[in-house]
Amino acid sequence: MTASSILEVAQFEITPGSEDAFEAAIAQAFIYLQQTDGYQGHQLQRCLEHPQQYLLLVQWGSLEAHLVNFRQSENFVRWRALIGPYFARPPQVLHYQLLTGSPF
């Protein structure tokens, strides 16, 4: 991770009952992240208290890597086509820059 690395934090709420299908779809969709210039890694986490809620953490080399290289590409169109049908509402996506501590 470099000083300019950005952490994308996306919160997904999935339609109840579609968790298994969503997890299968996003497992397939990760190839589109990985093919994008500037992608550095990701984690997908599921909430224990609210099993329809997921947290996706994606490390990007820069903000532009996410907003331009990925979001303005065919990879994003394919990504969204696979996982979008499972959203109960639009995802919330924010970007963070590490100030102190170490990446995990």
PDB file of N, CA and C in Angstrom:
ATOM      1  N   MET A   1       0.841  -1.174   0.000  1.00  0.00           N
ATOM      2  CA  MET A   1       0.000   0.000   0.000  1.00  0.00           C
ATOM      3  C   MET A   1       0.884   1.233   0.000  1.00  0.00           C
ATOM      4  N   THR A   2       0.565   2.201  -0.831  1.00  0.00           N
ATOM      5  CA  THR A   2       1.318   3.440  -0.896  1.00  0.00           C
ATOM      6  C   THR A   2       0.566   4.548  -0.174  1.00  0.00           C
ATOM      7  N   ALA A   3       1.252   5.685   0.015  1.00  0.00           N
ATOM      8  CA  ALA A   3       0.635   6.821   0.709  1.00  0.00           C
ATOM      9  C   ALA A   3      -0.601   7.322  -0.016  1.00  0.00           C
ATOM     10  N   SER A   4      -0.682   7.136  -1.321  1.00  0.00           N
ATOM     11  CA  SER A   4      -1.830   7.626  -2.075  1.00  0.00           C
ATOM     12  C   SER A   4      -2.943   6.587  -2.205  1.00  0.00           C
ATOM     13  N   SER A   5      -2.754   5.399  -1.630  1.00  0.00           N
ATOM     14  CA  SER A   5      -3.789   4.371  -1.706  1.00  0.00           C
ATOM     15  C   SER A   5      -5.076   4.845  -1.065  1.00  0.00           C
ATOM     16  N   ILE A   6      -6.178   4.390  -1.627  1.00  0.00           N
ATOM     17  CA  ILE A   6      -7.512   4.764  -1.166  1.00  0.00           C
ATOM     18  C   ILE A   6      -8.285   3.496  -0.819  1.00  0.00           C
ATOM     19  N   LEU A   7      -9.023   3.566   0.277  1.00  0.00           N
ATOM     20  CA  LEU A   7      -9.890   2.468   0.666  1.00  0.00           C
ATOM     21  C   LEU A   7     -11.323   2.836   0.307  1.00  0.00           C
ATOM     22  N   GLU A   8     -11.899   2.066  -0.587  1.00  0.00           N
ATOM     23  CA  GLU A   8     -13.322   2.211  -0.908  1.00  0.00           C
ATOM     24  C   GLU A   8     -14.097   1.366   0.094  1.00  0.00           C
ATOM     25  N   VAL A   9     -15.106   1.960   0.711  1.00  0.00           N
ATOM     26  CA  VAL A   9     -15.963   1.264   1.665  1.00  0.00           C
ATOM     27  C   VAL A   9     -17.377   1.297   1.099  1.00  0.00           C
ATOM     28  N   ALA A  10     -17.872   0.134   0.728  1.00  0.00           N
ATOM     29  CA  ALA A  10     -19.212   0.025   0.150  1.00  0.00           C
ATOM     30  C   ALA A  10     -20.085  -0.810   1.077  1.00  0.00           C
ATOM     31  N   GLN A  11     -21.247  -0.270   1.413  1.00  0.00           N
ATOM     32  CA  GLN A  11     -22.207  -0.985   2.239  1.00  0.00           C
ATOM     33  C   GLN A  11     -23.364  -1.435   1.357  1.00  0.00           C
ATOM     34  N   PHE A  12     -23.622  -2.735   1.384  1.00  0.00           N
ATOM     35  CA  PHE A  12     -24.702  -3.324   0.602  1.00  0.00           C
ATOM     36  C   PHE A  12     -25.775  -3.852   1.538  1.00  0.00           C
ATOM     37  N   GLU A  13     -27.025  -3.569   1.219  1.00  0.00           N
ATOM     38  CA  GLU A  13     -28.149  -4.231   1.873  1.00  0.00           C
ATOM     39  C   GLU A  13     -28.838  -5.063   0.812  1.00  0.00           C
ATOM     40  N   ILE A  14     -28.933  -6.345   1.069  1.00  0.00           N
ATOM     41  CA  ILE A  14     -29.417  -7.324   0.100  1.00  0.00           C
ATOM     42  C   ILE A  14     -30.865  -7.697   0.432  1.00  0.00           C
ATOM     43  N   THR A  15     -31.649  -7.962  -0.580  1.00  0.00           N
ATOM     44  CA  THR A  15     -33.023  -8.414  -0.388  1.00  0.00           C
ATOM     45  C   THR A  15     -33.032  -9.674   0.480  1.00  0.00           C
ATOM     46  N   PRO A  16     -33.819  -9.677   1.560  1.00  0.00           N
ATOM     47  CA  PRO A  16     -33.861 -10.853   2.442  1.00  0.00           C
ATOM     48  C   PRO A  16     -34.155 -12.133   1.665  1.00  0.00           C
ATOM     49  N   GLY A  17     -33.402 -13.169   2.002  1.00  0.00           N
ATOM     50  CA  GLY A  17     -33.565 -14.461   1.354  1.00  0.00           C
ATOM     51  C   GLY A  17     -32.671 -14.675   0.157  1.00  0.00           C
ATOM     52  N   SER A  18     -31.975 -13.625  -0.289  1.00  0.00           N
ATOM     53  CA  SER A  18     -31.116 -13.765  -1.471  1.00  0.00           C
ATOM     54  C   SER A  18     -29.624 -13.745  -1.130  1.00  0.00           C
ATOM     55  N   GLU A  19     -29.298 -13.926   0.143  1.00  0.00           N
ATOM     56  CA  GLU A  19     -27.904 -13.838   0.577  1.00  0.00           C
ATOM     57  C   GLU A  19     -27.007 -14.850  -0.123  1.00  0.00           C
ATOM     58  N   ASP A  20     -27.431 -16.088  -0.211  1.00  0.00           N
ATOM     59  CA  ASP A  20     -26.597 -17.115  -0.858  1.00  0.00           C
ATOM     60  C   ASP A  20     -26.380 -16.796  -2.340  1.00  0.00           C
ATOM     61  N   ALA A  21     -27.433 -16.378  -3.010  1.00  0.00           N
ATOM     62  CA  ALA A  21     -27.316 -16.034  -4.434  1.00  0.00           C
ATOM     63  C   ALA A  21     -26.415 -14.813  -4.618  1.00  0.00           C
ATOM     64  N   PHE A  22     -26.547 -13.815  -3.731  1.00  0.00           N
ATOM     65  CA  PHE A  22     -25.676 -12.645  -3.802  1.00  0.00           C
ATOM     66  C   PHE A  22     -24.217 -13.040  -3.614  1.00  0.00           C
ATOM     67  N   GLU A  23     -23.937 -13.862  -2.619  1.00  0.00           N
ATOM     68  CA  GLU A  23     -22.558 -14.275  -2.360  1.00  0.00           C
ATOM     69  C   GLU A  23     -21.971 -15.045  -3.540  1.00  0.00           C
ATOM     70  N   ALA A  24     -22.768 -15.853  -4.192  1.00  0.00           N
ATOM     71  CA  ALA A  24     -22.293 -16.568  -5.383  1.00  0.00           C
ATOM     72  C   ALA A  24     -22.029 -15.590  -6.523  1.00  0.00           C
ATOM     73  N   ALA A  25     -22.914 -14.618  -6.698  1.00  0.00           N
ATOM     74  CA  ALA A  25     -22.761 -13.638  -7.782  1.00  0.00           C
ATOM     75  C   ALA A  25     -21.547 -12.743  -7.560  1.00  0.00           C
ATOM     76  N   ILE A  26     -21.354 -12.273  -6.340  1.00  0.00           N
ATOM     77  CA  ILE A  26     -20.235 -11.368  -6.102  1.00  0.00           C
ATOM     78  C   ILE A  26     -18.905 -12.119  -6.195  1.00  0.00           C
ATOM     79  N   ALA A  27     -18.910 -13.404  -5.838  1.00  0.00           N
ATOM     80  CA  ALA A  27     -17.693 -14.209  -5.994  1.00  0.00           C
ATOM     81  C   ALA A  27     -17.279 -14.250  -7.467  1.00  0.00           C
ATOM     82  N   GLN A  28     -18.250 -14.343  -8.372  1.00  0.00           N
ATOM     83  CA  GLN A  28     -17.965 -14.301  -9.810  1.00  0.00           C
ATOM     84  C   GLN A  28     -17.558 -12.906 -10.254  1.00  0.00           C
ATOM     85  N   ALA A  29     -18.171 -11.883  -9.660  1.00  0.00           N
ATOM     86  CA  ALA A  29     -17.951 -10.498 -10.085  1.00  0.00           C
ATOM     87  C   ALA A  29     -16.580  -9.963  -9.689  1.00  0.00           C
ATOM     88  N   PHE A  30     -15.945 -10.559  -8.682  1.00  0.00           N
ATOM     89  CA  PHE A  30     -14.644 -10.038  -8.236  1.00  0.00           C
ATOM     90  C   PHE A  30     -13.595 -10.026  -9.342  1.00  0.00           C
ATOM     91  N   ILE A  31     -13.741 -10.860 -10.347  1.00  0.00           N
ATOM     92  CA  ILE A  31     -12.784 -10.859 -11.468  1.00  0.00           C
ATOM     93  C   ILE A  31     -12.750  -9.486 -12.142  1.00  0.00           C
ATOM     94  N   TYR A  32     -13.876  -8.779 -12.161  1.00  0.00           N
ATOM     95  CA  TYR A  32     -13.928  -7.470 -12.814  1.00  0.00           C
ATOM     96  C   TYR A  32     -13.190  -6.402 -12.009  1.00  0.00           C
ATOM     97  N   LEU A  33     -13.201  -6.527 -10.693  1.00  0.00           N
ATOM     98  CA  LEU A  33     -12.349  -5.646  -9.884  1.00  0.00           C
ATOM     99  C   LEU A  33     -10.884  -5.947 -10.162  1.00  0.00           C
ATOM    100  N   GLN A  34     -10.548  -7.220 -10.105  1.00  0.00           N
ATOM    101  CA  GLN A  34      -9.158  -7.647 -10.217  1.00  0.00           C
ATOM    102  C   GLN A  34      -8.537  -7.311 -11.569  1.00  0.00           C
ATOM    103  N   GLN A  35      -9.339  -7.187 -12.595  1.00  0.00           N
ATOM    104  CA  GLN A  35      -8.840  -6.845 -13.932  1.00  0.00           C
ATOM    105  C   GLN A  35      -8.621  -5.349 -14.117  1.00  0.00           C
ATOM    106  N   THR A  36      -8.981  -4.538 -13.131  1.00  0.00           N
ATOM    107  CA  THR A  36      -8.939  -3.085 -13.266  1.00  0.00           C
ATOM    108  C   THR A  36      -7.595  -2.531 -12.828  1.00  0.00           C
ATOM    109  N   ASP A  37      -7.012  -1.669 -13.667  1.00  0.00           N
ATOM    110  CA  ASP A  37      -5.748  -1.024 -13.344  1.00  0.00           C
ATOM    111  C   ASP A  37      -5.899  -0.188 -12.074  1.00  0.00           C
ATOM    112  N   GLY A  38      -5.052  -0.433 -11.091  1.00  0.00           N
ATOM    113  CA  GLY A  38      -5.098   0.293  -9.828  1.00  0.00           C
ATOM    114  C   GLY A  38      -5.718  -0.490  -8.691  1.00  0.00           C
ATOM    115  N   TYR A  39      -6.337  -1.635  -8.991  1.00  0.00           N
ATOM    116  CA  TYR A  39      -6.898  -2.497  -7.951  1.00  0.00           C
ATOM    117  C   TYR A  39      -5.752  -3.104  -7.140  1.00  0.00           C
ATOM    118  N   GLN A  40      -5.904  -3.113  -5.804  1.00  0.00           N
ATOM    119  CA  GLN A  40      -4.849  -3.665  -4.947  1.00  0.00           C
ATOM    120  C   GLN A  40      -5.319  -4.795  -4.033  1.00  0.00           C
ATOM    121  N   GLY A  41      -6.617  -4.968  -3.851  1.00  0.00           N
ATOM    122  CA  GLY A  41      -7.112  -6.038  -2.994  1.00  0.00           C
ATOM    123  C   GLY A  41      -8.489  -5.700  -2.457  1.00  0.00           C
ATOM    124  N   HIS A  42      -9.136  -6.716  -1.860  1.00  0.00           N
ATOM    125  CA  HIS A  42     -10.475  -6.492  -1.320  1.00  0.00           C
ATOM    126  C   HIS A  42     -10.783  -7.456  -0.184  1.00  0.00           C
ATOM    127  N   GLN A  43     -11.797  -7.100   0.588  1.00  0.00           N
ATOM    128  CA  GLN A  43     -12.394  -7.959   1.606  1.00  0.00           C
ATOM    129  C   GLN A  43     -13.905  -7.789   1.513  1.00  0.00           C
ATOM    130  N   LEU A  44     -14.638  -8.887   1.663  1.00  0.00           N
ATOM    131  CA  LEU A  44     -16.095  -8.825   1.770  1.00  0.00           C
ATOM    132  C   LEU A  44     -16.452  -9.381   3.136  1.00  0.00           C
ATOM    133  N   GLN A  45     -17.248  -8.621   3.889  1.00  0.00           N
ATOM    134  CA  GLN A  45     -17.646  -9.043   5.222  1.00  0.00           C
ATOM    135  C   GLN A  45     -19.164  -8.988   5.330  1.00  0.00           C
ATOM    136  N   ARG A  46     -19.712  -9.933   6.093  1.00  0.00           N
ATOM    137  CA  ARG A  46     -21.162 -10.000   6.309  1.00  0.00           C
ATOM    138  C   ARG A  46     -21.458  -9.674   7.766  1.00  0.00           C
ATOM    139  N   CYS A  47     -22.470  -8.870   8.000  1.00  0.00           N
ATOM    140  CA  CYS A  47     -22.845  -8.455   9.342  1.00  0.00           C
ATOM    141  C   CYS A  47     -23.490  -9.624  10.100  1.00  0.00           C
ATOM    142  N   LEU A  48     -23.045  -9.840  11.323  1.00  0.00           N
ATOM    143  CA  LEU A  48     -23.603 -10.922  12.137  1.00  0.00           C
ATOM    144  C   LEU A  48     -24.995 -10.591  12.651  1.00  0.00           C
ATOM    145  N   GLU A  49     -25.205  -9.321  13.033  1.00  0.00           N
ATOM    146  CA  GLU A  49     -26.499  -8.931  13.583  1.00  0.00           C
ATOM    147  C   GLU A  49     -27.570  -8.729  12.515  1.00  0.00           C
ATOM    148  N   HIS A  50     -27.157  -8.332  11.328  1.00  0.00           N
ATOM    149  CA  HIS A  50     -28.084  -8.066  10.222  1.00  0.00           C
ATOM    150  C   HIS A  50     -27.550  -8.788   8.982  1.00  0.00           C
ATOM    151  N   PRO A  51     -27.885 -10.059   8.797  1.00  0.00           N
ATOM    152  CA  PRO A  51     -27.257 -10.873   7.745  1.00  0.00           C
ATOM    153  C   PRO A  51     -27.521 -10.426   6.313  1.00  0.00           C
ATOM    154  N   GLN A  52     -28.418  -9.469   6.100  1.00  0.00           N
ATOM    155  CA  GLN A  52     -28.622  -8.929   4.756  1.00  0.00           C
ATOM    156  C   GLN A  52     -27.650  -7.787   4.459  1.00  0.00           C
ATOM    157  N   GLN A  53     -26.826  -7.402   5.436  1.00  0.00           N
ATOM    158  CA  GLN A  53     -25.896  -6.292   5.248  1.00  0.00           C
ATOM    159  C   GLN A  53     -24.472  -6.800   5.064  1.00  0.00           C
ATOM    160  N   TYR A  54     -23.815  -6.223   4.067  1.00  0.00           N
ATOM    161  CA  TYR A  54     -22.439  -6.589   3.727  1.00  0.00           C
ATOM    162  C   TYR A  54     -21.588  -5.336   3.656  1.00  0.00           C
ATOM    163  N   LEU A  55     -20.318  -5.517   3.961  1.00  0.00           N
ATOM    164  CA  LEU A  55     -19.341  -4.442   3.868  1.00  0.00           C
ATOM    165  C   LEU A  55     -18.247  -4.905   2.912  1.00  0.00           C
ATOM    166  N   LEU A  56     -18.040  -4.137   1.853  1.00  0.00           N
ATOM    167  CA  LEU A  56     -16.987  -4.435   0.886  1.00  0.00           C
ATOM    168  C   LEU A  56     -15.902  -3.382   1.037  1.00  0.00           C
ATOM    169  N   LEU A  57     -14.681  -3.818   1.264  1.00  0.00           N
ATOM    170  CA  LEU A  57     -13.519  -2.949   1.365  1.00  0.00           C
ATOM    171  C   LEU A  57     -12.638  -3.233   0.167  1.00  0.00           C
ATOM    172  N   VAL A  58     -12.356  -2.202  -0.629  1.00  0.00           N
ATOM    173  CA  VAL A  58     -11.505  -2.376  -1.808  1.00  0.00           C
ATOM    174  C   VAL A  58     -10.362  -1.378  -1.716  1.00  0.00           C
ATOM    175  N   GLN A  59      -9.145  -1.878  -1.813  1.00  0.00           N
ATOM    176  CA  GLN A  59      -7.963  -1.018  -1.810  1.00  0.00           C
ATOM    177  C   GLN A  59      -7.626  -0.666  -3.255  1.00  0.00           C
ATOM    178  N   TRP A  60      -7.538   0.634  -3.533  1.00  0.00           N
ATOM    179  CA  TRP A  60      -7.205   1.147  -4.859  1.00  0.00           C
ATOM    180  C   TRP A  60      -5.911   1.952  -4.780  1.00  0.00           C
ATOM    181  N   GLY A  61      -5.156   1.993  -5.845  1.00  0.00           N
ATOM    182  CA  GLY A  61      -3.925   2.767  -5.893  1.00  0.00           C
ATOM    183  C   GLY A  61      -4.158   4.262  -5.832  1.00  0.00           C
ATOM    184  N   SER A  62      -5.350   4.694  -6.232  1.00  0.00           N
ATOM    185  CA  SER A  62      -5.709   6.114  -6.217  1.00  0.00           C
ATOM    186  C   SER A  62      -7.228   6.215  -6.311  1.00  0.00           C
ATOM    187  N   LEU A  63      -7.742   7.397  -6.034  1.00  0.00           N
ATOM    188  CA  LEU A  63      -9.172   7.627  -6.193  1.00  0.00           C
ATOM    189  C   LEU A  63      -9.585   7.459  -7.651  1.00  0.00           C
ATOM    190  N   GLU A  64      -8.741   7.916  -8.560  1.00  0.00           N
ATOM    191  CA  GLU A  64      -9.018   7.801  -9.995  1.00  0.00           C
ATOM    192  C   GLU A  64      -9.104   6.345 -10.444  1.00  0.00           C
ATOM    193  N   ALA A  65      -8.324   5.468  -9.812  1.00  0.00           N
ATOM    194  CA  ALA A  65      -8.384   4.046 -10.166  1.00  0.00           C
ATOM    195  C   ALA A  65      -9.798   3.511  -9.980  1.00  0.00           C
ATOM    196  N   HIS A  66     -10.461   3.945  -8.916  1.00  0.00           N
ATOM    197  CA  HIS A  66     -11.837   3.504  -8.702  1.00  0.00           C
ATOM    198  C   HIS A  66     -12.829   4.270  -9.564  1.00  0.00           C
ATOM    199  N   LEU A  67     -12.765   5.606  -9.490  1.00  0.00           N
ATOM    200  CA  LEU A  67     -13.797   6.420 -10.138  1.00  0.00           C
ATOM    201  C   LEU A  67     -13.700   6.460 -11.654  1.00  0.00           C
ATOM    202  N   VAL A  68     -12.498   6.329 -12.198  1.00  0.00           N
ATOM    203  CA  VAL A  68     -12.316   6.387 -13.650  1.00  0.00           C
ATOM    204  C   VAL A  68     -12.047   4.991 -14.217  1.00  0.00           C
ATOM    205  N   ASN A  69     -10.971   4.363 -13.749  1.00  0.00           N
ATOM    206  CA  ASN A  69     -10.575   3.070 -14.321  1.00  0.00           C
ATOM    207  C   ASN A  69     -11.661   2.007 -14.166  1.00  0.00           C
ATOM    208  N   PHE A  70     -12.335   2.004 -13.025  1.00  0.00           N
ATOM    209  CA  PHE A  70     -13.367   0.991 -12.795  1.00  0.00           C
ATOM    210  C   PHE A  70     -14.765   1.500 -13.123  1.00  0.00           C
ATOM    211  N   ARG A  71     -15.189   2.584 -12.479  1.00  0.00           N
ATOM    212  CA  ARG A  71     -16.578   3.032 -12.609  1.00  0.00           C
ATOM    213  C   ARG A  71     -16.956   3.459 -14.022  1.00  0.00           C
ATOM    214  N   GLN A  72     -15.982   3.874 -14.828  1.00  0.00           N
ATOM    215  CA  GLN A  72     -16.280   4.306 -16.196  1.00  0.00           C
ATOM    216  C   GLN A  72     -15.892   3.241 -17.218  1.00  0.00           C
ATOM    217  N   SER A  73     -15.899   1.968 -16.796  1.00  0.00           N
ATOM    218  CA  SER A  73     -15.465   0.891 -17.681  1.00  0.00           C
ATOM    219  C   SER A  73     -16.555  -0.159 -17.869  1.00  0.00           C
ATOM    220  N   GLU A  74     -16.329  -1.019 -18.828  1.00  0.00           N
ATOM    221  CA  GLU A  74     -17.207  -2.172 -19.031  1.00  0.00           C
ATOM    222  C   GLU A  74     -17.143  -3.124 -17.843  1.00  0.00           C
ATOM    223  N   ASN A  75     -15.996  -3.148 -17.145  1.00  0.00           N
ATOM    224  CA  ASN A  75     -15.892  -3.994 -15.953  1.00  0.00           C
ATOM    225  C   ASN A  75     -16.958  -3.621 -14.930  1.00  0.00           C
ATOM    226  N   PHE A  76     -17.208  -2.330 -14.755  1.00  0.00           N
ATOM    227  CA  PHE A  76     -18.234  -1.901 -13.803  1.00  0.00           C
ATOM    228  C   PHE A  76     -19.618  -2.318 -14.286  1.00  0.00           C
ATOM    229  N   VAL A  77     -19.891  -2.188 -15.562  1.00  0.00           N
ATOM    230  CA  VAL A  77     -21.190  -2.594 -16.111  1.00  0.00           C
ATOM    231  C   VAL A  77     -21.423  -4.081 -15.845  1.00  0.00           C
ATOM    232  N   ARG A  78     -20.417  -4.890 -16.073  1.00  0.00           N
ATOM    233  CA  ARG A  78     -20.530  -6.344 -15.837  1.00  0.00           C
ATOM    234  C   ARG A  78     -20.682  -6.645 -14.347  1.00  0.00           C
ATOM    235  N   TRP A  79     -19.891  -5.955 -13.521  1.00  0.00           N
ATOM    236  CA  TRP A  79     -19.948  -6.091 -12.061  1.00  0.00           C
ATOM    237  C   TRP A  79     -21.367  -5.813 -11.565  1.00  0.00           C
ATOM    238  N   ARG A  80     -21.897  -4.678 -11.978  1.00  0.00           N
ATOM    239  CA  ARG A  80     -23.222  -4.261 -11.507  1.00  0.00           C
ATOM    240  C   ARG A  80     -24.319  -5.188 -12.026  1.00  0.00           C
ATOM    241  N   ALA A  81     -24.173  -5.701 -13.235  1.00  0.00           N
ATOM    242  CA  ALA A  81     -25.177  -6.625 -13.780  1.00  0.00           C
ATOM    243  C   ALA A  81     -25.260  -7.904 -12.949  1.00  0.00           C
ATOM    244  N   LEU A  82     -24.133  -8.349 -12.413  1.00  0.00           N
ATOM    245  CA  LEU A  82     -24.124  -9.572 -11.607  1.00  0.00           C
ATOM    246  C   LEU A  82     -24.697  -9.357 -10.209  1.00  0.00           C
ATOM    247  N   ILE A  83     -24.335  -8.250  -9.565  1.00  0.00           N
ATOM    248  CA  ILE A  83     -24.728  -8.087  -8.160  1.00  0.00           C
ATOM    249  C   ILE A  83     -25.910  -7.145  -7.945  1.00  0.00           C
ATOM    250  N   GLY A  84     -26.173  -6.255  -8.873  1.00  0.00           N
ATOM    251  CA  GLY A  84     -27.233  -5.267  -8.720  1.00  0.00           C
ATOM    252  C   GLY A  84     -28.614  -5.831  -8.452  1.00  0.00           C
ATOM    253  N   PRO A  85     -28.995  -6.944  -9.076  1.00  0.00           N
ATOM    254  CA  PRO A  85     -30.345  -7.475  -8.849  1.00  0.00           C
ATOM    255  C   PRO A  85     -30.639  -7.857  -7.399  1.00  0.00           C
ATOM    256  N   TYR A  86     -29.605  -7.992  -6.575  1.00  0.00           N
ATOM    257  CA  TYR A  86     -29.802  -8.420  -5.188  1.00  0.00           C
ATOM    258  C   TYR A  86     -29.908  -7.253  -4.203  1.00  0.00           C
ATOM    259  N   PHE A  87     -29.691  -6.028  -4.662  1.00  0.00           N
ATOM    260  CA  PHE A  87     -29.713  -4.873  -3.768  1.00  0.00           C
ATOM    261  C   PHE A  87     -31.130  -4.549  -3.316  1.00  0.00           C
ATOM    262  N   ALA A  88     -31.309  -4.392  -2.008  1.00  0.00           N
ATOM    263  CA  ALA A  88     -32.584  -3.924  -1.471  1.00  0.00           C
ATOM    264  C   ALA A  88     -32.689  -2.414  -1.644  1.00  0.00           C
ATOM    265  N   ARG A  89     -31.551  -1.748  -1.699  1.00  0.00           N
ATOM    266  CA  ARG A  89     -31.467  -0.289  -1.929  1.00  0.00           C
ATOM    267  C   ARG A  89     -30.092  -0.009  -2.503  1.00  0.00           C
ATOM    268  N   PRO A  90     -29.896   1.158  -3.085  1.00  0.00           N
ATOM    269  CA  PRO A  90     -28.588   1.474  -3.666  1.00  0.00           C
ATOM    270  C   PRO A  90     -27.487   1.423  -2.603  1.00  0.00           C
ATOM    271  N   PRO A  91     -26.312   0.928  -2.966  1.00  0.00           N
ATOM    272  CA  PRO A  91     -25.209   0.871  -2.005  1.00  0.00           C
ATOM    273  C   PRO A  91     -24.734   2.269  -1.617  1.00  0.00           C
ATOM    274  N   GLN A  92     -24.192   2.361  -0.420  1.00  0.00           N
ATOM    275  CA  GLN A  92     -23.518   3.582   0.015  1.00  0.00           C
ATOM    276  C   GLN A  92     -22.021   3.348  -0.179  1.00  0.00           C
ATOM    277  N   VAL A  93     -21.355   4.247  -0.903  1.00  0.00           N
ATOM    278  CA  VAL A  93     -19.930   4.086  -1.197  1.00  0.00           C
ATOM    279  C   VAL A  93     -19.199   5.356  -0.793  1.00  0.00           C
ATOM    280  N   LEU A  94     -18.172   5.195   0.044  1.00  0.00           N
ATOM    281  CA  LEU A  94     -17.321   6.295   0.481  1.00  0.00           C
ATOM    282  C   LEU A  94     -15.860   5.893   0.301  1.00  0.00           C
ATOM    283  N   HIS A  95     -14.983   6.884   0.292  1.00  0.00           N
ATOM    284  CA  HIS A  95     -13.549   6.641   0.096  1.00  0.00           C
ATOM    285  C   HIS A  95     -12.772   7.197   1.286  1.00  0.00           C
ATOM    286  N   TYR A  96     -11.772   6.446   1.724  1.00  0.00           N
ATOM    287  CA  TYR A  96     -10.977   6.822   2.884  1.00  0.00           C
ATOM    288  C   TYR A  96      -9.499   6.727   2.557  1.00  0.00           C
ATOM    289  N   GLN A  97      -8.727   7.578   3.250  1.00  0.00           N
ATOM    290  CA  GLN A  97      -7.272   7.557   3.129  1.00  0.00           C
ATOM    291  C   GLN A  97      -6.697   7.298   4.510  1.00  0.00           C
ATOM    292  N   LEU A  98      -5.774   6.353   4.612  1.00  0.00           N
ATOM    293  CA  LEU A  98      -5.144   5.997   5.883  1.00  0.00           C
ATOM    294  C   LEU A  98      -4.324   7.156   6.420  1.00  0.00           C
ATOM    295  N   LEU A  99      -4.589   7.543   7.666  1.00  0.00           N
ATOM    296  CA  LEU A  99      -3.830   8.630   8.302  1.00  0.00           C
ATOM    297  C   LEU A  99      -2.830   8.086   9.311  1.00  0.00           C
ATOM    298  N   THR A 100      -3.225   7.052  10.030  1.00  0.00           N
ATOM    299  CA  THR A 100      -2.343   6.475  11.035  1.00  0.00           C
ATOM    300  C   THR A 100      -2.679   4.998  11.203  1.00  0.00           C
ATOM    301  N   GLY A 101      -1.740   4.238  11.700  1.00  0.00           N
ATOM    302  CA  GLY A 101      -1.946   2.816  11.863  1.00  0.00           C
ATOM    303  C   GLY A 101      -1.367   2.058  10.684  1.00  0.00           C
ATOM    304  N   SER A 102      -1.763   0.804  10.577  1.00  0.00           N
ATOM    305  CA  SER A 102      -1.246  -0.016   9.487  1.00  0.00           C
ATOM    306  C   SER A 102      -2.412  -0.674   8.765  1.00  0.00           C
ATOM    307  N   PRO A 103      -2.246  -0.906   7.478  1.00  0.00           N
ATOM    308  CA  PRO A 103      -3.325  -1.575   6.734  1.00  0.00           C
ATOM    309  C   PRO A 103      -3.480  -3.014   7.219  1.00  0.00           C
ATOM    310  N   PHE A 104      -4.655  -3.567   7.039  1.00  0.00           N
ATOM    311  CA  PHE A 104      -4.887  -4.959   7.417  1.00  0.00           C
ATOM    312  C   PHE A 104      -5.298  -5.771   6.234  1.00  0.00           C
TER     313      PHE A 104
END
